[in-house]
């Protein structure tokens, strides 16, 4: 088991999305570290990716939870996403559906949805 408190972000590979999410999660949940699992358009991949893509994300999440003791998983979507170019309303729906899909994996952790707006500010989705 790792030392320190961990959370996990399933985030877009877009480099603009990393630091705002990590910073927000560390502040909001008093985390020491955030494991980051990235996919182009992660919210879309969780819903409509190939079975292999979804299994890969799930396997990496399990490592974070089982080996690092992560107690939180955040599913993230963002403005101006090249991997999932759709309107904000659709992203928010996909984030909420992705949160439900990740919860269905049955891991003993909290799962939240996050949206990054055009100013890279983090907003909760579905709460």
N, C-alpha and C. Protein backbone atom coordinates (compact mmCIF):
# COMPACT_ATOMS: atom_id res chain seq x y z
N UNK A 1 0.85 -1.19 0.00
CA UNK A 1 0.00 0.00 0.00
C UNK A 1 0.89 1.24 0.00
N UNK A 2 0.47 2.24 -0.74
CA UNK A 2 1.23 3.48 -0.85
C UNK A 2 1.05 4.34 0.40
N UNK A 3 1.97 5.24 0.61
CA UNK A 3 1.87 6.19 1.72
C UNK A 3 1.21 7.46 1.22
N UNK A 4 0.32 8.05 2.01
CA UNK A 4 -0.39 9.24 1.60
C UNK A 4 -1.79 8.90 1.12
N UNK A 5 -2.59 9.92 0.93
CA UNK A 5 -3.96 9.72 0.48
C UNK A 5 -4.06 9.94 -1.02
N UNK A 6 -4.77 9.03 -1.68
CA UNK A 6 -4.89 9.06 -3.12
C UNK A 6 -6.34 9.24 -3.57
N UNK A 7 -6.48 9.88 -4.71
CA UNK A 7 -7.71 9.90 -5.48
C UNK A 7 -7.35 9.53 -6.90
N UNK A 8 -8.36 9.32 -7.73
CA UNK A 8 -8.14 8.92 -9.11
C UNK A 8 -8.98 9.81 -10.02
N UNK A 9 -8.35 10.34 -11.08
CA UNK A 9 -9.07 11.12 -12.07
C UNK A 9 -9.06 10.36 -13.40
N UNK A 10 -10.25 10.09 -13.93
CA UNK A 10 -10.38 9.58 -15.30
C UNK A 10 -10.63 10.82 -16.13
N UNK A 11 -9.59 11.27 -16.81
CA UNK A 11 -9.60 12.60 -17.41
C UNK A 11 -9.23 12.50 -18.89
N UNK A 12 -9.45 13.56 -19.60
CA UNK A 12 -9.03 13.66 -20.99
C UNK A 12 -7.51 13.75 -21.05
N UNK A 13 -6.94 13.32 -22.16
CA UNK A 13 -5.50 13.43 -22.33
C UNK A 13 -5.04 14.87 -22.53
N UNK A 14 -5.96 15.78 -22.82
CA UNK A 14 -5.65 17.19 -23.05
C UNK A 14 -4.88 17.75 -21.86
N UNK A 15 -3.67 18.21 -22.10
CA UNK A 15 -2.82 18.71 -21.03
C UNK A 15 -3.40 19.88 -20.26
N UNK A 16 -4.32 20.62 -20.88
CA UNK A 16 -4.94 21.75 -20.18
C UNK A 16 -5.85 21.29 -19.05
N UNK A 17 -6.30 20.06 -19.11
CA UNK A 17 -7.27 19.56 -18.15
C UNK A 17 -6.63 18.94 -16.90
N UNK A 18 -5.34 18.69 -16.92
CA UNK A 18 -4.72 17.95 -15.83
C UNK A 18 -4.58 18.75 -14.53
N UNK A 19 -3.84 19.85 -14.58
CA UNK A 19 -3.55 20.59 -13.35
C UNK A 19 -4.79 21.15 -12.65
N UNK A 20 -5.76 21.73 -13.38
CA UNK A 20 -6.94 22.22 -12.66
C UNK A 20 -7.66 21.11 -11.89
N UNK A 21 -7.75 19.94 -12.48
CA UNK A 21 -8.44 18.83 -11.81
C UNK A 21 -7.63 18.33 -10.62
N UNK A 22 -6.35 18.13 -10.82
CA UNK A 22 -5.50 17.66 -9.72
C UNK A 22 -5.54 18.64 -8.55
N UNK A 23 -5.37 19.91 -8.84
CA UNK A 23 -5.38 20.92 -7.79
C UNK A 23 -6.72 20.93 -7.05
N UNK A 24 -7.81 20.91 -7.80
CA UNK A 24 -9.14 20.95 -7.19
C UNK A 24 -9.38 19.72 -6.32
N UNK A 25 -9.05 18.54 -6.83
CA UNK A 25 -9.26 17.31 -6.05
C UNK A 25 -8.42 17.31 -4.78
N UNK A 26 -7.18 17.75 -4.89
CA UNK A 26 -6.33 17.78 -3.70
C UNK A 26 -6.90 18.73 -2.64
N UNK A 27 -7.40 19.89 -3.09
CA UNK A 27 -7.96 20.86 -2.15
C UNK A 27 -9.29 20.40 -1.57
N UNK A 28 -10.19 19.91 -2.41
CA UNK A 28 -11.54 19.55 -1.97
C UNK A 28 -11.57 18.28 -1.12
N UNK A 29 -10.66 17.36 -1.39
CA UNK A 29 -10.69 16.06 -0.70
C UNK A 29 -9.46 15.81 0.16
N UNK A 30 -8.64 16.83 0.37
CA UNK A 30 -7.44 16.72 1.18
C UNK A 30 -6.59 15.51 0.76
N UNK A 31 -6.34 15.41 -0.54
CA UNK A 31 -5.54 14.32 -1.08
C UNK A 31 -4.08 14.73 -1.17
N UNK A 32 -3.20 13.75 -1.04
CA UNK A 32 -1.78 13.98 -1.26
C UNK A 32 -1.43 13.79 -2.74
N UNK A 33 -2.10 12.82 -3.38
CA UNK A 33 -1.78 12.46 -4.76
C UNK A 33 -3.05 12.17 -5.54
N UNK A 34 -2.97 12.40 -6.86
CA UNK A 34 -4.08 12.05 -7.75
C UNK A 34 -3.52 11.20 -8.88
N UNK A 35 -3.91 9.95 -8.94
CA UNK A 35 -3.57 9.10 -10.07
C UNK A 35 -4.42 9.55 -11.24
N UNK A 36 -3.79 9.73 -12.40
CA UNK A 36 -4.51 10.24 -13.55
C UNK A 36 -4.53 9.20 -14.66
N UNK A 37 -5.72 8.83 -15.06
CA UNK A 37 -5.95 7.89 -16.16
C UNK A 37 -6.50 8.71 -17.30
N UNK A 38 -5.79 8.75 -18.42
CA UNK A 38 -6.20 9.65 -19.50
C UNK A 38 -6.60 8.89 -20.76
N UNK A 39 -7.61 9.43 -21.39
CA UNK A 39 -8.11 8.98 -22.69
C UNK A 39 -8.59 10.23 -23.43
N UNK A 40 -8.48 10.24 -24.73
CA UNK A 40 -9.04 11.34 -25.51
C UNK A 40 -10.56 11.27 -25.41
N UNK A 41 -11.16 12.27 -24.76
CA UNK A 41 -12.62 12.25 -24.56
C UNK A 41 -13.04 11.16 -23.60
N UNK A 42 -12.46 11.16 -22.42
CA UNK A 42 -12.67 10.07 -21.45
C UNK A 42 -14.14 9.81 -21.15
N UNK A 43 -14.96 10.87 -21.04
CA UNK A 43 -16.37 10.67 -20.73
C UNK A 43 -17.05 9.86 -21.84
N UNK A 44 -16.68 10.09 -23.07
CA UNK A 44 -17.23 9.35 -24.20
C UNK A 44 -16.68 7.92 -24.26
N UNK A 45 -15.40 7.76 -23.97
CA UNK A 45 -14.78 6.43 -24.01
C UNK A 45 -15.47 5.49 -23.02
N UNK A 46 -15.78 5.98 -21.84
CA UNK A 46 -16.42 5.13 -20.84
C UNK A 46 -17.79 4.64 -21.30
N UNK A 47 -18.46 5.43 -22.13
CA UNK A 47 -19.80 5.06 -22.59
C UNK A 47 -19.81 4.34 -23.92
N UNK A 48 -18.96 4.77 -24.85
CA UNK A 48 -19.02 4.24 -26.21
C UNK A 48 -17.69 3.73 -26.74
N UNK A 49 -16.73 3.57 -25.84
CA UNK A 49 -15.45 3.02 -26.27
C UNK A 49 -15.58 1.53 -26.54
N UNK A 50 -14.55 0.98 -27.12
CA UNK A 50 -14.55 -0.47 -27.36
C UNK A 50 -14.48 -1.19 -26.01
N UNK A 51 -14.89 -2.44 -25.97
CA UNK A 51 -14.75 -3.19 -24.72
C UNK A 51 -13.30 -3.20 -24.22
N UNK A 52 -12.36 -3.23 -25.13
CA UNK A 52 -10.94 -3.22 -24.74
C UNK A 52 -10.54 -1.88 -24.11
N UNK A 53 -11.05 -0.78 -24.66
CA UNK A 53 -10.75 0.53 -24.09
C UNK A 53 -11.31 0.66 -22.68
N UNK A 54 -12.56 0.26 -22.52
CA UNK A 54 -13.19 0.36 -21.20
C UNK A 54 -12.49 -0.56 -20.21
N UNK A 55 -12.13 -1.76 -20.63
CA UNK A 55 -11.42 -2.71 -19.75
C UNK A 55 -10.06 -2.14 -19.34
N UNK A 56 -9.39 -1.44 -20.25
CA UNK A 56 -8.10 -0.84 -19.92
C UNK A 56 -8.25 0.24 -18.86
N UNK A 57 -9.25 1.10 -19.01
CA UNK A 57 -9.50 2.13 -18.00
C UNK A 57 -9.82 1.47 -16.66
N UNK A 58 -10.69 0.48 -16.69
CA UNK A 58 -11.08 -0.19 -15.45
C UNK A 58 -9.88 -0.85 -14.78
N UNK A 59 -9.02 -1.47 -15.54
CA UNK A 59 -7.83 -2.13 -14.96
C UNK A 59 -6.93 -1.09 -14.28
N UNK A 60 -6.75 0.06 -14.91
CA UNK A 60 -5.91 1.10 -14.32
C UNK A 60 -6.56 1.70 -13.07
N UNK A 61 -7.89 1.85 -13.08
CA UNK A 61 -8.59 2.32 -11.89
C UNK A 61 -8.41 1.32 -10.76
N UNK A 62 -8.53 0.05 -11.06
CA UNK A 62 -8.37 -0.98 -10.02
C UNK A 62 -6.97 -0.92 -9.39
N UNK A 63 -5.94 -0.68 -10.19
CA UNK A 63 -4.60 -0.53 -9.63
C UNK A 63 -4.56 0.63 -8.65
N UNK A 64 -5.15 1.75 -9.03
CA UNK A 64 -5.17 2.92 -8.16
C UNK A 64 -5.90 2.62 -6.85
N UNK A 65 -7.04 1.95 -6.95
CA UNK A 65 -7.83 1.65 -5.76
C UNK A 65 -7.16 0.56 -4.91
N UNK A 66 -6.75 -0.52 -5.55
CA UNK A 66 -6.23 -1.67 -4.81
C UNK A 66 -4.79 -1.49 -4.33
N UNK A 67 -3.95 -0.83 -5.10
CA UNK A 67 -2.53 -0.68 -4.72
C UNK A 67 -2.22 0.63 -4.04
N UNK A 68 -2.93 1.70 -4.41
CA UNK A 68 -2.67 3.00 -3.80
C UNK A 68 -3.71 3.37 -2.74
N UNK A 69 -4.78 2.60 -2.66
CA UNK A 69 -5.81 2.89 -1.67
C UNK A 69 -6.66 4.09 -2.01
N UNK A 70 -6.78 4.41 -3.29
CA UNK A 70 -7.62 5.54 -3.69
C UNK A 70 -9.03 5.38 -3.15
N UNK A 71 -9.57 6.46 -2.62
CA UNK A 71 -10.91 6.45 -2.05
C UNK A 71 -11.91 7.25 -2.87
N UNK A 72 -11.45 7.79 -4.00
CA UNK A 72 -12.29 8.68 -4.80
C UNK A 72 -11.93 8.49 -6.27
N UNK A 73 -12.96 8.43 -7.11
CA UNK A 73 -12.76 8.44 -8.56
C UNK A 73 -13.54 9.61 -9.12
N UNK A 74 -12.87 10.46 -9.90
CA UNK A 74 -13.53 11.57 -10.57
C UNK A 74 -13.53 11.29 -12.07
N UNK A 75 -14.71 11.40 -12.69
CA UNK A 75 -14.85 11.30 -14.14
C UNK A 75 -14.95 12.73 -14.66
N UNK A 76 -14.06 13.08 -15.61
CA UNK A 76 -13.92 14.47 -16.02
C UNK A 76 -14.20 14.65 -17.51
N UNK A 77 -14.92 15.71 -17.83
CA UNK A 77 -15.09 16.17 -19.20
C UNK A 77 -14.75 17.64 -19.24
N UNK A 78 -14.46 18.16 -20.44
CA UNK A 78 -14.06 19.57 -20.49
C UNK A 78 -14.48 20.27 -21.77
N UNK A 79 -14.52 21.58 -21.68
CA UNK A 79 -14.80 22.47 -22.80
C UNK A 79 -13.74 22.29 -23.87
N UNK A 80 -14.13 22.41 -25.13
CA UNK A 80 -13.19 22.39 -26.26
C UNK A 80 -12.43 21.06 -26.35
N UNK A 81 -13.14 19.97 -26.13
CA UNK A 81 -12.51 18.64 -26.16
C UNK A 81 -12.41 18.15 -27.60
N UNK A 82 -11.20 17.91 -28.06
CA UNK A 82 -10.98 17.41 -29.42
C UNK A 82 -11.37 15.94 -29.53
N UNK A 83 -11.24 15.19 -28.45
CA UNK A 83 -11.56 13.76 -28.47
C UNK A 83 -13.04 13.47 -28.39
N UNK A 84 -13.81 14.44 -27.89
CA UNK A 84 -15.26 14.29 -27.77
C UNK A 84 -15.89 15.65 -28.02
N UNK A 85 -15.89 16.08 -29.29
CA UNK A 85 -16.37 17.43 -29.62
C UNK A 85 -17.90 17.50 -29.65
N UNK A 86 -18.46 17.84 -28.51
CA UNK A 86 -19.92 17.96 -28.41
C UNK A 86 -20.26 19.12 -27.49
N UNK A 87 -21.52 19.57 -27.50
CA UNK A 87 -21.93 20.69 -26.64
C UNK A 87 -21.81 20.34 -25.15
N UNK A 88 -21.70 21.38 -24.34
CA UNK A 88 -21.56 21.20 -22.89
C UNK A 88 -22.67 20.33 -22.31
N UNK A 89 -23.90 20.55 -22.73
CA UNK A 89 -25.03 19.79 -22.18
C UNK A 89 -24.83 18.29 -22.41
N UNK A 90 -24.34 17.94 -23.60
CA UNK A 90 -24.10 16.53 -23.90
C UNK A 90 -22.96 15.98 -23.05
N UNK A 91 -21.89 16.77 -22.89
CA UNK A 91 -20.79 16.35 -22.02
C UNK A 91 -21.30 16.08 -20.60
N UNK A 92 -22.09 17.00 -20.09
CA UNK A 92 -22.59 16.84 -18.72
C UNK A 92 -23.44 15.57 -18.58
N UNK A 93 -24.25 15.29 -19.58
CA UNK A 93 -25.04 14.05 -19.57
C UNK A 93 -24.11 12.84 -19.61
N UNK A 94 -23.12 12.88 -20.48
CA UNK A 94 -22.18 11.77 -20.60
C UNK A 94 -21.36 11.58 -19.32
N UNK A 95 -20.98 12.67 -18.68
CA UNK A 95 -20.26 12.57 -17.41
C UNK A 95 -21.13 11.88 -16.37
N UNK A 96 -22.38 12.31 -16.26
CA UNK A 96 -23.29 11.70 -15.28
C UNK A 96 -23.50 10.21 -15.58
N UNK A 97 -23.66 9.87 -16.85
CA UNK A 97 -23.83 8.45 -17.22
C UNK A 97 -22.55 7.67 -16.97
N UNK A 98 -21.39 8.29 -17.19
CA UNK A 98 -20.12 7.63 -16.94
C UNK A 98 -19.91 7.39 -15.45
N UNK A 99 -20.32 8.34 -14.63
CA UNK A 99 -20.24 8.16 -13.17
C UNK A 99 -21.05 6.92 -12.77
N UNK A 100 -22.26 6.79 -13.31
CA UNK A 100 -23.10 5.61 -13.01
C UNK A 100 -22.41 4.33 -13.48
N UNK A 101 -21.78 4.38 -14.66
CA UNK A 101 -21.10 3.20 -15.18
C UNK A 101 -19.92 2.80 -14.28
N UNK A 102 -19.16 3.78 -13.83
CA UNK A 102 -18.02 3.48 -12.95
C UNK A 102 -18.51 2.97 -11.60
N UNK A 103 -19.58 3.55 -11.08
CA UNK A 103 -20.14 3.04 -9.82
C UNK A 103 -20.55 1.58 -9.96
N UNK A 104 -21.03 1.20 -11.14
CA UNK A 104 -21.46 -0.19 -11.38
C UNK A 104 -20.30 -1.17 -11.35
N UNK A 105 -19.06 -0.69 -11.40
CA UNK A 105 -17.91 -1.58 -11.27
C UNK A 105 -17.81 -2.17 -9.87
N UNK A 106 -18.53 -1.56 -8.92
CA UNK A 106 -18.60 -2.12 -7.58
C UNK A 106 -17.39 -1.86 -6.70
N UNK A 107 -16.62 -0.86 -7.01
CA UNK A 107 -15.46 -0.54 -6.19
C UNK A 107 -15.90 0.22 -4.94
N UNK A 108 -15.21 0.02 -3.81
CA UNK A 108 -15.62 0.64 -2.54
C UNK A 108 -15.12 2.08 -2.41
N UNK A 109 -15.49 2.93 -3.38
CA UNK A 109 -15.02 4.30 -3.40
C UNK A 109 -16.15 5.25 -3.78
N UNK A 110 -15.95 6.52 -3.49
CA UNK A 110 -16.86 7.56 -3.95
C UNK A 110 -16.54 7.86 -5.41
N UNK A 111 -17.57 8.08 -6.23
CA UNK A 111 -17.37 8.43 -7.64
C UNK A 111 -18.11 9.73 -7.90
N UNK A 112 -17.39 10.71 -8.46
CA UNK A 112 -17.98 12.02 -8.74
C UNK A 112 -17.73 12.40 -10.20
N UNK A 113 -18.57 13.30 -10.70
CA UNK A 113 -18.41 13.83 -12.05
C UNK A 113 -17.97 15.28 -11.99
N UNK A 114 -17.04 15.64 -12.88
CA UNK A 114 -16.52 17.00 -12.92
C UNK A 114 -16.53 17.53 -14.34
N UNK A 115 -16.83 18.82 -14.47
CA UNK A 115 -16.80 19.52 -15.75
C UNK A 115 -15.81 20.67 -15.64
N UNK A 116 -14.96 20.82 -16.65
CA UNK A 116 -14.05 21.96 -16.74
C UNK A 116 -14.61 22.93 -17.77
N UNK A 117 -14.89 24.15 -17.33
CA UNK A 117 -15.48 25.12 -18.24
C UNK A 117 -14.42 25.80 -19.10
N UNK A 118 -14.84 26.78 -19.89
CA UNK A 118 -13.93 27.44 -20.82
C UNK A 118 -12.81 28.20 -20.13
N UNK A 119 -12.95 28.46 -18.84
CA UNK A 119 -11.89 29.11 -18.06
C UNK A 119 -11.12 28.10 -17.20
N UNK A 120 -11.34 26.82 -17.46
CA UNK A 120 -10.66 25.72 -16.76
C UNK A 120 -10.98 25.69 -15.27
N UNK A 121 -12.20 26.13 -14.94
CA UNK A 121 -12.69 26.03 -13.57
C UNK A 121 -13.47 24.73 -13.43
N UNK A 122 -13.29 24.08 -12.31
CA UNK A 122 -13.93 22.79 -12.05
C UNK A 122 -15.33 23.02 -11.48
N UNK A 123 -16.29 22.28 -12.03
CA UNK A 123 -17.66 22.30 -11.52
C UNK A 123 -18.10 20.85 -11.34
N UNK A 124 -18.84 20.60 -10.28
CA UNK A 124 -19.41 19.27 -10.08
C UNK A 124 -20.54 19.04 -11.06
N UNK A 125 -20.72 17.81 -11.45
CA UNK A 125 -21.80 17.42 -12.35
C UNK A 125 -22.71 16.45 -11.60
N UNK A 126 -24.02 16.69 -11.71
CA UNK A 126 -24.98 15.76 -11.14
C UNK A 126 -25.19 15.84 -9.66
N UNK A 127 -24.84 16.94 -9.05
CA UNK A 127 -25.06 17.07 -7.62
C UNK A 127 -25.85 18.31 -7.32
